[in-house]
Amino acid sequence: EEKVQKSTGCILTGPYTPNGAKFVKAEFSVAKIFSDHMVLQQGRPNTIWGWANPDALVTIRIGGKPVVETQADPAGEWKATLPAMAASSKPKLMTITSDGQTITINDVLVGEVWFCSGQSNMQWKVRSCDRVEDVKADANRPTIRMFTVGLASVDEPAADVSGRWSVCSPETVVDFSGSAYHMGRTLSDHLGVPVGLVASSWGGSSAEAWIGPEALSTVAPGRRVQSQFAAIQEEARTNPAVYTGLDVDDSEWKQGAVPGHSSTFGIPDEVDGIFWLRIPMEVPKHWTGRPLRMSLGMVDDDDITYFNGFEIGRTNGWQTRRNY
């Protein structure tokens, strides 16, 4: 039961009480990476998964191929393996059924699927690239499909992600990773098969953030990162006011100017880490009772912002303006 609550989140619905009662019914669903306009990898089996009623039979059919059947486990999680298929630009229909319910996935292609990950240079959007108008003019490429994974910080592997597939066009390409798109376009030109691009990048993220705790613990640098992260979490959990409260002793904090780089605080720009900044300000008396908006511009890379000790917003990604 604990596993169900952690791994599926809002996927599961129905009667539940925290005193030990079981989920009675699950919403029949499939992971979001399997959705309209997706691309499956050619020449090899593809694993697909989702959620259904506990122990329910799940049947999958794609493009007239024989039915694939599987059964949900007692927690309502199911997984199936689709047979290998040849590349095809002809749209296929996938249907998934269980207990009288049907999920329909339209416009499925088979070709090459690439996972594109990195920091800000991989997160950099086409709209910010040079000669963007030329790129848009050449972007009517319906056999290229794009999926951007929504930013989310988790402590363990997630069963699902946020995002959706889009068909490449002048309108959709501008908000996709520039590096990933240019690679995908070259692959499409050379291979002549559909190309699926899954972009999952986070500007400024470290390699350690993408590695599981078991692997990190096998090397000294990884253990050091884990120890530091655990200390930060514990301090934030037990005494958040040490940084965010009104009465913080900041007499020994470094002073600098914003907007600007860390060098204005006497910290070399190459230093990468977590920083706390305090900005003293006074709100005029005649603003009393009025709604206030705080605009921080853009922050490299992520922020959690407090006002008088209360969190007012948090944002991931340096290209997003902060308006709280």
C-alpha atoms as a PDB file:
ATOM      1  CA  GLU A   1       0.000   0.000   0.000  1.00  0.00           C
ATOM      2  CA  GLU A   2       2.860   2.378   0.780  1.00  0.00           C
ATOM      3  CA  LYS A   3       4.333   1.664  -2.651  1.00  0.00           C
ATOM      4  CA  VAL A   4       1.038   2.471  -4.355  1.00  0.00           C
ATOM      5  CA  GLN A   5       0.739   5.840  -2.641  1.00  0.00           C
ATOM      6  CA  LYS A   6       4.278   6.907  -3.506  1.00  0.00           C
ATOM      7  CA  SER A   7       4.588   5.700  -7.076  1.00  0.00           C
ATOM      8  CA  THR A   8       1.238   6.611  -8.586  1.00  0.00           C
ATOM      9  CA  GLY A   9       0.234   9.833  -6.853  1.00  0.00           C
ATOM     10  CA  CYS A  10      -2.875  11.304  -8.440  1.00  0.00           C
ATOM     11  CA  ILE A  11      -3.193   8.425 -10.901  1.00  0.00           C
ATOM     12  CA  LEU A  12      -5.219   6.423  -8.383  1.00  0.00           C
ATOM     13  CA  THR A  13      -8.687   7.453  -7.312  1.00  0.00           C
ATOM     14  CA  GLY A  14     -11.500   5.966  -5.276  1.00  0.00           C
ATOM     15  CA  PRO A  15     -12.273   5.263  -1.629  1.00  0.00           C
ATOM     16  CA  TYR A  16      -9.173   5.480   0.554  1.00  0.00           C
ATOM     17  CA  THR A  17      -8.587   6.231   4.186  1.00  0.00           C
ATOM     18  CA  PRO A  18      -5.191   6.631   5.865  1.00  0.00           C
ATOM     19  CA  ASN A  19      -6.021   4.090   8.588  1.00  0.00           C
ATOM     20  CA  GLY A  20      -4.994   1.139   6.458  1.00  0.00           C
ATOM     21  CA  ALA A  21      -7.916   0.698   4.045  1.00  0.00           C
ATOM     22  CA  LYS A  22      -6.982  -0.439   0.533  1.00  0.00           C
ATOM     23  CA  PHE A  23      -7.668   1.334  -2.747  1.00  0.00           C
ATOM     24  CA  VAL A  24     -10.894  -0.127  -4.065  1.00  0.00           C
ATOM     25  CA  LYS A  25     -10.698   1.078  -7.654  1.00  0.00           C
ATOM     26  CA  ALA A  26      -7.964   2.615  -9.799  1.00  0.00           C
ATOM     27  CA  GLU A  27      -8.374   4.973 -12.721  1.00  0.00           C
ATOM     28  CA  PHE A  28      -7.467   3.053 -15.879  1.00  0.00           C
ATOM     29  CA  SER A  29      -4.527   4.906 -17.401  1.00  0.00           C
ATOM     30  CA  VAL A  30      -1.206   4.631 -19.191  1.00  0.00           C
ATOM     31  CA  ALA A  31       2.037   6.548 -18.594  1.00  0.00           C
ATOM     32  CA  LYS A  32       2.002   9.935 -20.361  1.00  0.00           C
ATOM     33  CA  ILE A  33       5.000   9.084 -22.555  1.00  0.00           C
ATOM     34  CA  PHE A  34       2.586   6.733 -24.381  1.00  0.00           C
ATOM     35  CA  SER A  35       0.188   9.195 -25.964  1.00  0.00           C
ATOM     36  CA  ASP A  36      -1.017  10.652 -29.275  1.00  0.00           C
ATOM     37  CA  HIS A  37       1.756  11.323 -31.858  1.00  0.00           C
ATOM     38  CA  MET A  38       4.356   9.183 -30.090  1.00  0.00           C
ATOM     39  CA  VAL A  39       7.168   7.246 -31.781  1.00  0.00           C
ATOM     40  CA  LEU A  40       8.106   3.660 -30.867  1.00  0.00           C
ATOM     41  CA  GLN A  41      11.639   2.333 -31.347  1.00  0.00           C
ATOM     42  CA  GLN A  42      12.029   0.254 -34.504  1.00  0.00           C
ATOM     43  CA  GLY A  43      13.565  -3.219 -34.544  1.00  0.00           C
ATOM     44  CA  ARG A  44      13.222  -4.020 -30.857  1.00  0.00           C
ATOM     45  CA  PRO A  45      10.489  -4.781 -28.298  1.00  0.00           C
ATOM     46  CA  ASN A  46       8.951  -1.754 -26.556  1.00  0.00           C
ATOM     47  CA  THR A  47       7.809  -1.833 -22.933  1.00  0.00           C
ATOM     48  CA  ILE A  48       4.584  -0.015 -22.060  1.00  0.00           C
ATOM     49  CA  TRP A  49       3.050   0.416 -18.595  1.00  0.00           C
ATOM     50  CA  GLY A  50       0.183   1.975 -16.703  1.00  0.00           C
ATOM     51  CA  TRP A  51      -2.454   1.473 -13.995  1.00  0.00           C
ATOM     52  CA  ALA A  52      -5.718  -0.457 -13.780  1.00  0.00           C
ATOM     53  CA  ASN A  53      -7.857  -2.213 -11.210  1.00  0.00           C
ATOM     54  CA  PRO A  54      -5.890  -4.696  -9.098  1.00  0.00           C
ATOM     55  CA  ASP A  55      -5.364  -8.029 -10.905  1.00  0.00           C
ATOM     56  CA  ALA A  56      -7.322  -6.805 -13.943  1.00  0.00           C
ATOM     57  CA  LEU A  57      -6.596  -8.155 -17.431  1.00  0.00           C
ATOM     58  CA  VAL A  58      -5.168  -5.540 -19.829  1.00  0.00           C
ATOM     59  CA  THR A  59      -5.135  -6.065 -23.611  1.00  0.00           C
ATOM     60  CA  ILE A  60      -3.166  -3.982 -26.112  1.00  0.00           C
ATOM     61  CA  ARG A  61      -3.535  -3.875 -29.877  1.00  0.00           C
ATOM     62  CA  ILE A  62      -1.519  -1.729 -32.291  1.00  0.00           C
ATOM     63  CA  GLY A  63      -1.824  -1.439 -36.047  1.00  0.00           C
ATOM     64  CA  GLY A  64      -3.691  -4.693 -36.498  1.00  0.00           C
ATOM     65  CA  LYS A  65      -0.943  -6.735 -34.809  1.00  0.00           C
ATOM     66  CA  PRO A  66      -1.884  -9.666 -32.539  1.00  0.00           C
ATOM     67  CA  VAL A  67      -3.236  -8.707 -29.140  1.00  0.00           C
ATOM     68  CA  VAL A  68      -0.741  -8.400 -26.284  1.00  0.00           C
ATOM     69  CA  GLU A  69      -2.188  -9.335 -22.901  1.00  0.00           C
ATOM     70  CA  THR A  70      -0.946  -8.700 -19.382  1.00  0.00           C
ATOM     71  CA  GLN A  71      -2.369  -8.555 -15.873  1.00  0.00           C
ATOM     72  CA  ALA A  72      -2.202  -5.784 -13.323  1.00  0.00           C
ATOM     73  CA  ASP A  73      -0.551  -6.668 -10.039  1.00  0.00           C
ATOM     74  CA  PRO A  74      -2.333  -6.366  -6.672  1.00  0.00           C
ATOM     75  CA  ALA A  75      -1.333  -2.686  -6.509  1.00  0.00           C
ATOM     76  CA  GLY A  76      -2.975  -1.993  -9.880  1.00  0.00           C
ATOM     77  CA  GLU A  77       0.256  -1.528 -11.837  1.00  0.00           C
ATOM     78  CA  TRP A  78       0.639  -3.259 -15.200  1.00  0.00           C
ATOM     79  CA  LYS A  79       3.427  -3.646 -17.731  1.00  0.00           C
ATOM     80  CA  ALA A  80       3.548  -5.258 -21.182  1.00  0.00           C
ATOM     81  CA  THR A  81       6.066  -5.742 -23.979  1.00  0.00           C
ATOM     82  CA  LEU A  82       5.090  -4.938 -27.553  1.00  0.00           C
ATOM     83  CA  PRO A  83       6.729  -7.029 -30.300  1.00  0.00           C
ATOM     84  CA  ALA A  84       9.476  -5.488 -32.431  1.00  0.00           C
ATOM     85  CA  MET A  85       8.187  -3.589 -35.472  1.00  0.00           C
ATOM     86  CA  ALA A  86       9.768  -2.206 -38.622  1.00  0.00           C
ATOM     87  CA  ALA A  87      10.023   1.550 -39.150  1.00  0.00           C
ATOM     88  CA  SER A  88       6.860   3.055 -40.604  1.00  0.00           C
ATOM     89  CA  SER A  89       5.638   6.564 -41.359  1.00  0.00           C
ATOM     90  CA  LYS A  90       2.074   5.283 -41.673  1.00  0.00           C
ATOM     91  CA  PRO A  91       0.142   6.335 -38.553  1.00  0.00           C
ATOM     92  CA  LYS A  92      -0.977   3.436 -36.388  1.00  0.00           C
ATOM     93  CA  LEU A  93      -3.795   3.229 -33.850  1.00  0.00           C
ATOM     94  CA  MET A  94      -3.132   1.724 -30.427  1.00  0.00           C
ATOM     95  CA  THR A  95      -5.955   0.622 -28.160  1.00  0.00           C
ATOM     96  CA  ILE A  96      -5.607  -0.496 -24.548  1.00  0.00           C
ATOM     97  CA  THR A  97      -8.620  -2.070 -22.844  1.00  0.00           C
ATOM     98  CA  SER A  98      -9.408  -3.334 -19.363  1.00  0.00           C
ATOM     99  CA  ASP A  99     -12.663  -3.990 -17.486  1.00  0.00           C
ATOM    100  CA  GLY A 100     -14.744  -2.483 -20.281  1.00  0.00           C
ATOM    101  CA  GLN A 101     -12.666   0.710 -20.505  1.00  0.00           C
ATOM    102  CA  THR A 102     -10.605   1.681 -23.553  1.00  0.00           C
ATOM    103  CA  ILE A 103      -7.676   4.049 -24.002  1.00  0.00           C
ATOM    104  CA  THR A 104      -7.063   5.110 -27.610  1.00  0.00           C
ATOM    105  CA  ILE A 105      -3.675   6.426 -28.726  1.00  0.00           C
ATOM    106  CA  ASN A 106      -3.716   7.979 -32.198  1.00  0.00           C
ATOM    107  CA  ASP A 107      -1.066   8.691 -34.817  1.00  0.00           C
ATOM    108  CA  VAL A 108       1.646   6.318 -33.581  1.00  0.00           C
ATOM    109  CA  LEU A 109       4.779   6.032 -35.740  1.00  0.00           C
ATOM    110  CA  VAL A 110       7.712   3.603 -35.569  1.00  0.00           C
ATOM    111  CA  GLY A 111      11.285   4.773 -36.094  1.00  0.00           C
ATOM    112  CA  GLU A 112      14.261   6.030 -34.079  1.00  0.00           C
ATOM    113  CA  VAL A 113      13.728   7.316 -30.514  1.00  0.00           C
ATOM    114  CA  TRP A 114      16.426   9.387 -28.814  1.00  0.00           C
ATOM    115  CA  PHE A 115      16.671  10.533 -25.201  1.00  0.00           C
ATOM    116  CA  CYS A 116      18.205  14.030 -25.052  1.00  0.00           C
ATOM    117  CA  SER A 117      19.471  15.233 -21.695  1.00  0.00           C
ATOM    118  CA  GLY A 118      21.860  17.767 -20.250  1.00  0.00           C
ATOM    119  CA  GLN A 119      22.130  21.220 -18.750  1.00  0.00           C
ATOM    120  CA  SER A 120      21.138  24.639 -20.050  1.00  0.00           C
ATOM    121  CA  ASN A 121      22.824  24.195 -23.432  1.00  0.00           C
ATOM    122  CA  MET A 122      20.521  21.232 -24.087  1.00  0.00           C
ATOM    123  CA  GLN A 123      17.534  23.007 -22.512  1.00  0.00           C
ATOM    124  CA  TRP A 124      18.113  26.049 -24.785  1.00  0.00           C
ATOM    125  CA  LYS A 125      15.041  26.456 -26.971  1.00  0.00           C
ATOM    126  CA  VAL A 126      14.900  26.791 -30.734  1.00  0.00           C
ATOM    127  CA  ARG A 127      13.343  30.249 -30.346  1.00  0.00           C
ATOM    128  CA  SER A 128      16.608  31.426 -28.734  1.00  0.00           C
ATOM    129  CA  CYS A 129      18.856  29.987 -31.464  1.00  0.00           C
ATOM    130  CA  ASP A 130      20.451  31.891 -34.330  1.00  0.00           C
ATOM    131  CA  ARG A 131      18.497  32.072 -37.612  1.00  0.00           C
ATOM    132  CA  VAL A 132      15.301  30.945 -35.906  1.00  0.00           C
ATOM    133  CA  GLU A 133      13.149  32.170 -38.805  1.00  0.00           C
ATOM    134  CA  ASP A 134      15.094  29.945 -41.219  1.00  0.00           C
ATOM    135  CA  VAL A 135      14.630  27.002 -38.868  1.00  0.00           C
ATOM    136  CA  LYS A 136      10.898  27.624 -38.612  1.00  0.00           C
ATOM    137  CA  ALA A 137      10.557  27.861 -42.384  1.00  0.00           C
ATOM    138  CA  ASP A 138      12.060  24.365 -42.689  1.00  0.00           C
ATOM    139  CA  ALA A 139      10.212  22.834 -39.727  1.00  0.00           C
ATOM    140  CA  ASN A 140       7.176  21.367 -41.452  1.00  0.00           C
ATOM    141  CA  ARG A 141       8.365  17.837 -40.695  1.00  0.00           C
ATOM    142  CA  PRO A 142       5.450  15.645 -39.534  1.00  0.00           C
ATOM    143  CA  THR A 143       7.605  12.515 -39.069  1.00  0.00           C
ATOM    144  CA  ILE A 144       9.625  14.259 -36.332  1.00  0.00           C
ATOM    145  CA  ARG A 145       7.906  14.082 -32.961  1.00  0.00           C
ATOM    146  CA  MET A 146       8.966  15.939 -29.800  1.00  0.00           C
ATOM    147  CA  PHE A 147       8.333  15.352 -26.086  1.00  0.00           C
ATOM    148  CA  THR A 148       9.633  17.696 -23.375  1.00  0.00           C
ATOM    149  CA  VAL A 149       9.674  16.194 -19.877  1.00  0.00           C
ATOM    150  CA  GLY A 150       8.388  18.656 -17.288  1.00  0.00           C
ATOM    151  CA  LEU A 151      10.870  19.600 -14.560  1.00  0.00           C
ATOM    152  CA  ALA A 152      10.289  17.700 -11.342  1.00  0.00           C
ATOM    153  CA  SER A 153      12.630  16.880  -8.480  1.00  0.00           C
ATOM    154  CA  VAL A 154      12.067  13.420  -6.985  1.00  0.00           C
ATOM    155  CA  ASP A 155      14.000  11.279  -4.524  1.00  0.00           C
ATOM    156  CA  GLU A 156      13.347   7.981  -6.326  1.00  0.00           C
ATOM    157  CA  PRO A 157      12.572   6.805  -9.883  1.00  0.00           C
ATOM    158  CA  ALA A 158       9.137   8.051 -10.975  1.00  0.00           C
ATOM    159  CA  ALA A 159       6.537   5.881 -12.672  1.00  0.00           C
ATOM    160  CA  ASP A 160       5.268   8.805 -14.750  1.00  0.00           C
ATOM    161  CA  VAL A 161       6.297  12.211 -16.056  1.00  0.00           C
ATOM    162  CA  SER A 162       4.497  15.335 -17.238  1.00  0.00           C
ATOM    163  CA  GLY A 163       4.585  16.344 -20.885  1.00  0.00           C
ATOM    164  CA  ARG A 164       3.015  15.544 -24.243  1.00  0.00           C
ATOM    165  CA  TRP A 165       4.124  14.607 -27.752  1.00  0.00           C
ATOM    166  CA  SER A 166       3.874  17.233 -30.473  1.00  0.00           C
ATOM    167  CA  VAL A 167       4.227  16.954 -34.235  1.00  0.00           C
ATOM    168  CA  CYS A 168       7.082  19.080 -35.561  1.00  0.00           C
ATOM    169  CA  SER A 169       5.868  22.264 -37.234  1.00  0.00           C
ATOM    170  CA  PRO A 170       6.932  25.930 -37.393  1.00  0.00           C
ATOM    171  CA  GLU A 171       4.614  26.593 -34.433  1.00  0.00           C
ATOM    172  CA  THR A 172       5.692  23.709 -32.164  1.00  0.00           C
ATOM    173  CA  VAL A 173       9.435  23.591 -32.848  1.00  0.00           C
ATOM    174  CA  VAL A 174      10.235  26.965 -31.243  1.00  0.00           C
ATOM    175  CA  ASP A 175       9.642  25.721 -27.688  1.00  0.00           C
ATOM    176  CA  PHE A 176      11.697  22.535 -28.088  1.00  0.00           C
ATOM    177  CA  SER A 177      15.382  21.973 -27.321  1.00  0.00           C
ATOM    178  CA  GLY A 178      17.499  23.512 -30.091  1.00  0.00           C
ATOM    179  CA  SER A 179      20.327  20.966 -29.776  1.00  0.00           C
ATOM    180  CA  ALA A 180      17.914  18.034 -29.745  1.00  0.00           C
ATOM    181  CA  TYR A 181      15.925  19.319 -32.711  1.00  0.00           C
ATOM    182  CA  HIS A 182      18.936  19.973 -34.953  1.00  0.00           C
ATOM    183  CA  MET A 183      20.243  16.469 -34.231  1.00  0.00           C
ATOM    184  CA  GLY A 184      16.814  14.966 -34.894  1.00  0.00           C
ATOM    185  CA  ARG A 185      16.424  16.849 -38.151  1.00  0.00           C
ATOM    186  CA  THR A 186      19.804  15.537 -39.350  1.00  0.00           C
ATOM    187  CA  LEU A 187      18.842  11.977 -38.366  1.00  0.00           C
ATOM    188  CA  SER A 188      15.545  12.316 -40.208  1.00  0.00           C
ATOM    189  CA  ASP A 189      17.288  13.540 -43.369  1.00  0.00           C
ATOM    190  CA  HIS A 190      19.880  10.750 -43.348  1.00  0.00           C
ATOM    191  CA  LEU A 191      17.776   7.810 -42.198  1.00  0.00           C
ATOM    192  CA  GLY A 192      14.434   8.560 -43.850  1.00  0.00           C
ATOM    193  CA  VAL A 193      12.473   7.137 -40.878  1.00  0.00           C
ATOM    194  CA  PRO A 194      10.346   8.795 -38.171  1.00  0.00           C
ATOM    195  CA  VAL A 195      12.350  10.300 -35.320  1.00  0.00           C
ATOM    196  CA  GLY A 196      11.099  10.703 -31.748  1.00  0.00           C
ATOM    197  CA  LEU A 197      12.967  13.113 -29.478  1.00  0.00           C
ATOM    198  CA  VAL A 198      12.487  13.010 -25.701  1.00  0.00           C
ATOM    199  CA  ALA A 199      14.098  16.073 -24.091  1.00  0.00           C
ATOM    200  CA  SER A 200      14.732  15.892 -20.349  1.00  0.00           C
ATOM    201  CA  SER A 201      17.209  18.592 -19.338  1.00  0.00           C
ATOM    202  CA  TRP A 202      17.763  20.844 -16.345  1.00  0.00           C
ATOM    203  CA  GLY A 203      20.044  23.853 -16.598  1.00  0.00           C
ATOM    204  CA  GLY A 204      22.827  23.846 -14.035  1.00  0.00           C
ATOM    205  CA  SER A 205      22.075  20.337 -12.812  1.00  0.00           C
ATOM    206  CA  SER A 206      25.007  18.166 -11.792  1.00  0.00           C
ATOM    207  CA  ALA A 207      25.710  14.622 -12.945  1.00  0.00           C
ATOM    208  CA  GLU A 208      25.110  13.468  -9.369  1.00  0.00           C
ATOM    209  CA  ALA A 209      21.489  14.665  -9.542  1.00  0.00           C
ATOM    210  CA  TRP A 210      20.781  12.130 -12.306  1.00  0.00           C
ATOM    211  CA  ILE A 211      22.372   9.151 -10.539  1.00  0.00           C
ATOM    212  CA  GLY A 212      20.564   6.865  -8.108  1.00  0.00           C
ATOM    213  CA  PRO A 213      21.634   6.725  -4.449  1.00  0.00           C
ATOM    214  CA  GLU A 214      22.956   3.168  -4.732  1.00  0.00           C
ATOM    215  CA  ALA A 215      25.386   4.104  -7.489  1.00  0.00           C
ATOM    216  CA  LEU A 216      26.389   7.371  -5.798  1.00  0.00           C
ATOM    217  CA  SER A 217      27.279   5.561  -2.583  1.00  0.00           C
ATOM    218  CA  THR A 218      29.923   3.449  -4.353  1.00  0.00           C
ATOM    219  CA  VAL A 219      32.368   6.368  -4.763  1.00  0.00           C
ATOM    220  CA  ALA A 220      33.714   8.940  -2.314  1.00  0.00           C
ATOM    221  CA  PRO A 221      32.520  12.067  -4.223  1.00  0.00           C
ATOM    222  CA  GLY A 222      29.051  10.590  -4.430  1.00  0.00           C
ATOM    223  CA  ARG A 223      28.945   9.840  -0.718  1.00  0.00           C
ATOM    224  CA  ARG A 224      30.078  13.391   0.010  1.00  0.00           C
ATOM    225  CA  VAL A 225      27.249  14.831  -2.103  1.00  0.00           C
ATOM    226  CA  GLN A 226      24.733  12.585  -0.366  1.00  0.00           C
ATOM    227  CA  SER A 227      25.983  13.690   3.049  1.00  0.00           C
ATOM    228  CA  GLN A 228      25.784  17.370   2.141  1.00  0.00           C
ATOM    229  CA  PHE A 229      22.301  17.012   0.660  1.00  0.00           C
ATOM    230  CA  ALA A 230      21.068  15.120   3.727  1.00  0.00           C
ATOM    231  CA  ALA A 231      22.418  17.863   5.993  1.00  0.00           C
ATOM    232  CA  ILE A 232      20.662  20.582   3.975  1.00  0.00           C
ATOM    233  CA  GLN A 233      17.373  18.657   4.052  1.00  0.00           C
ATOM    234  CA  GLU A 234      17.617  18.041   7.783  1.00  0.00           C
ATOM    235  CA  GLU A 235      18.382  21.683   8.560  1.00  0.00           C
ATOM    236  CA  ALA A 236      15.516  22.897   6.371  1.00  0.00           C
ATOM    237  CA  ARG A 237      13.167  20.403   8.014  1.00  0.00           C
ATOM    238  CA  THR A 238      14.080  21.035  11.623  1.00  0.00           C
ATOM    239  CA  ASN A 239      14.819  24.767  11.598  1.00  0.00           C
ATOM    240  CA  PRO A 240      13.663  26.544   8.424  1.00  0.00           C
ATOM    241  CA  ALA A 241      13.674  29.936  10.166  1.00  0.00           C
ATOM    242  CA  VAL A 242      17.482  29.830  10.378  1.00  0.00           C
ATOM    243  CA  TYR A 243      17.501  31.223   6.834  1.00  0.00           C
ATOM    244  CA  THR A 244      13.962  32.385   6.095  1.00  0.00           C
ATOM    245  CA  GLY A 245      12.877  34.007   9.346  1.00  0.00           C
ATOM    246  CA  LEU A 246      12.799  37.720  10.067  1.00  0.00           C
ATOM    247  CA  ASP A 247      15.358  37.603  12.865  1.00  0.00           C
ATOM    248  CA  VAL A 248      18.217  35.893  11.016  1.00  0.00           C
ATOM    249  CA  ASP A 249      21.666  37.019  12.112  1.00  0.00           C
ATOM    250  CA  ASP A 250      23.163  38.059   8.776  1.00  0.00           C
ATOM    251  CA  SER A 251      25.988  40.147  10.256  1.00  0.00           C
ATOM    252  CA  GLU A 252      28.595  37.797   8.788  1.00  0.00           C
ATOM    253  CA  TRP A 253      26.913  37.353   5.413  1.00  0.00           C
ATOM    254  CA  LYS A 254      28.711  38.693   2.352  1.00  0.00           C
ATOM    255  CA  GLN A 255      27.297  41.852   0.794  1.00  0.00           C
ATOM    256  CA  GLY A 256      26.869  42.413  -2.929  1.00  0.00           C
ATOM    257  CA  ALA A 257      24.626  43.895  -5.597  1.00  0.00           C
ATOM    258  CA  VAL A 258      21.743  42.422  -7.573  1.00  0.00           C
ATOM    259  CA  PRO A 259      21.097  41.895 -10.378  1.00  0.00           C
ATOM    260  CA  GLY A 260      24.575  40.571 -10.980  1.00  0.00           C
ATOM    261  CA  HIS A 261      26.865  37.578 -10.692  1.00  0.00           C
ATOM    262  CA  SER A 262      28.183  35.898  -7.575  1.00  0.00           C
ATOM    263  CA  SER A 263      31.459  37.749  -8.108  1.00  0.00           C
ATOM    264  CA  THR A 264      29.779  40.919  -6.763  1.00  0.00           C
ATOM    265  CA  PHE A 265      29.690  39.087  -3.414  1.00  0.00           C
ATOM    266  CA  GLY A 266      33.356  38.141  -3.668  1.00  0.00           C
ATOM    267  CA  ILE A 267      32.479  34.584  -4.743  1.00  0.00           C
ATOM    268  CA  PRO A 268      34.116  33.335  -7.983  1.00  0.00           C
ATOM    269  CA  ASP A 269      31.629  32.798 -10.818  1.00  0.00           C
ATOM    270  CA  GLU A 270      32.787  29.210 -11.251  1.00  0.00           C
ATOM    271  CA  VAL A 271      31.435  28.327  -7.796  1.00  0.00           C
ATOM    272  CA  ASP A 272      28.193  26.370  -8.295  1.00  0.00           C
ATOM    273  CA  GLY A 273      25.894  25.674  -5.396  1.00  0.00           C
ATOM    274  CA  ILE A 274      22.959  26.796  -3.259  1.00  0.00           C
ATOM    275  CA  PHE A 275      22.923  30.427  -2.092  1.00  0.00           C
ATOM    276  CA  TRP A 276      20.693  32.307   0.338  1.00  0.00           C
ATOM    277  CA  LEU A 277      20.146  36.007  -0.380  1.00  0.00           C
ATOM    278  CA  ARG A 278      18.339  38.559   1.781  1.00  0.00           C
ATOM    279  CA  ILE A 279      17.056  41.811   0.272  1.00  0.00           C
ATOM    280  CA  PRO A 280      15.890  44.386   2.832  1.00  0.00           C
ATOM    281  CA  MET A 281      12.990  46.527   1.637  1.00  0.00           C
ATOM    282  CA  GLU A 282      10.242  48.747   2.975  1.00  0.00           C
ATOM    283  CA  VAL A 283       6.659  48.726   1.756  1.00  0.00           C
ATOM    284  CA  PRO A 284       5.049  52.222   1.812  1.00  0.00           C
ATOM    285  CA  LYS A 285       2.242  52.595   4.327  1.00  0.00           C
ATOM    286  CA  HIS A 286      -0.253  53.612   1.634  1.00  0.00           C
ATOM    287  CA  TRP A 287       0.193  50.146   0.036  1.00  0.00           C
ATOM    288  CA  THR A 288      -1.375  48.517   3.098  1.00  0.00           C
ATOM    289  CA  GLY A 289      -4.102  46.051   2.162  1.00  0.00           C
ATOM    290  CA  ARG A 290      -3.268  46.062  -1.535  1.00  0.00           C
ATOM    291  CA  PRO A 291      -2.168  43.001  -3.511  1.00  0.00           C
ATOM    292  CA  LEU A 292       1.578  43.209  -4.230  1.00  0.00           C
ATOM    293  CA  ARG A 293       3.560  41.680  -7.063  1.00  0.00           C
ATOM    294  CA  MET A 294       7.251  40.873  -6.699  1.00  0.00           C
ATOM    295  CA  SER A 295       9.156  40.588  -9.981  1.00  0.00           C
ATOM    296  CA  LEU A 296      12.643  39.056  -9.708  1.00  0.00           C
ATOM    297  CA  GLY A 297      13.383  38.829 -13.424  1.00  0.00           C
ATOM    298  CA  MET A 298      15.311  35.639 -14.239  1.00  0.00           C
ATOM    299  CA  VAL A 299      17.346  33.577 -11.764  1.00  0.00           C
ATOM    300  CA  ASP A 300      20.125  31.135 -12.685  1.00  0.00           C
ATOM    301  CA  ASP A 301      18.924  28.450 -12.263  1.00  0.00           C
ATOM    302  CA  ASP A 302      16.175  27.786  -9.709  1.00  0.00           C
ATOM    303  CA  ASP A 303      14.696  29.668  -6.770  1.00  0.00           C
ATOM    304  CA  ILE A 304      12.459  29.414  -3.734  1.00  0.00           C
ATOM    305  CA  THR A 305      11.416  32.916  -2.681  1.00  0.00           C
ATOM    306  CA  TYR A 306      10.221  33.990   0.786  1.00  0.00           C
ATOM    307  CA  PHE A 307       8.685  37.287   1.880  1.00  0.00           C
ATOM    308  CA  ASN A 308       8.882  38.007   5.591  1.00  0.00           C
ATOM    309  CA  GLY A 309       9.490  34.313   6.237  1.00  0.00           C
ATOM    310  CA  PHE A 310       6.607  32.991   4.122  1.00  0.00           C
ATOM    311  CA  GLU A 311       7.194  31.166   0.838  1.00  0.00           C
ATOM    312  CA  ILE A 312       5.526  33.077  -2.018  1.00  0.00           C
ATOM    313  CA  GLY A 313       6.755  31.057  -4.997  1.00  0.00           C
ATOM    314  CA  ARG A 314       9.304  28.745  -6.553  1.00  0.00           C
ATOM    315  CA  THR A 315      10.407  28.315 -10.176  1.00  0.00           C
ATOM    316  CA  ASN A 316      12.672  25.922 -12.074  1.00  0.00           C
ATOM    317  CA  GLY A 317      14.651  27.023 -15.139  1.00  0.00           C
ATOM    318  CA  TRP A 318      16.644  30.199 -15.664  1.00  0.00           C
ATOM    319  CA  GLN A 319      14.737  31.288 -18.790  1.00  0.00           C
ATOM    320  CA  THR A 320      11.521  31.822 -16.816  1.00  0.00           C
ATOM    321  CA  ARG A 321      10.710  35.188 -15.285  1.00  0.00           C
ATOM    322  CA  ARG A 322       9.748  35.223 -11.625  1.00  0.00           C
ATOM    323  CA  ASN A 323       6.524  37.098 -10.867  1.00  0.00           C
ATOM    324  CA  TYR A 324       5.083  36.331  -7.439  1.00  0.00           C
END
